Amino acid sequence: MILDKNNIPNKLNKFIVIEGINGCGKTTLIANIKDYLENNNKDVICSREPGGTPIGDSLRNIVLSSSKEMTPEAQFFIMSASRAEYVFKKVRPTINNGSFFISDRYYYSSLAFQSYAGGLNFDFVYNVSKEVIKECIPDITFILDLDLETASKRLNLRNENSNEKDSFESEKMEYHQKVRNGFLDLSKKLPERFVILDATKNKEQVFNEAISILKDIYKL
């Protein structure tokens, strides 16, 4: 997806979001962008949803360890509570200070997971989420798009060296396909700026494509 340079607002928040299905490479891309910005003398804060605050991290543990036992409604309200803390205590102070904030997931994940895959009403999830985040809209959201087979292989390798249990990953393939389709649909449906990156490419290619877009936006 090509960035429409005519759709860049005059006031930038230095707020970047990375989205996609589990295993798409978000963590790697965030680390590479952070390194690039810091090497160019930029202040950068990175965090993740759900989580990012003490309360948020506690809520994250509840959701990720119990998602198959919870209703989509419960998942969404817990995510929204975590997000309220995240925006108020992490995102807003960082962008008000003029630093870059890079977020691993944002409210788009609630739409993809709890609405597209979980069946909650789209307008309900969208309107509640917008009330929670208020004016904290990303300058750009990168969606790392990846087929489920490749994502599954990557997750298996990652989980061999990780202690964090994520019960979303044990959902059926149909669920994850709905999540993937949801992210792709959001890029067309929402009046915000998205760029879809082909996450089957190697990490250097993905990073180079992302940083090229960021250079255009922020005149780096």
Foldseek 3Di string as FASTA:
>chain_A
DDFDLVLQDPDALLEEEEAEFAQLCPVVLVVVVVVVQVVVVAAEDEDEPQDPDPLSVVLVLVCQVCVVVDALVVNLVSRLVSQLCCLVPPRVVQSVVVGHYYYHDALLLNCLQSPQLRPDDNVVSVVSRCVSNPPRAHSEYEYRQDDPVNSLVSVVVVVVPDDRHGCVNVDDPVSSVSSRVSVVVCCVPDPHHYDYDHSVDDPVVRNVVVVVVVCSNVVD
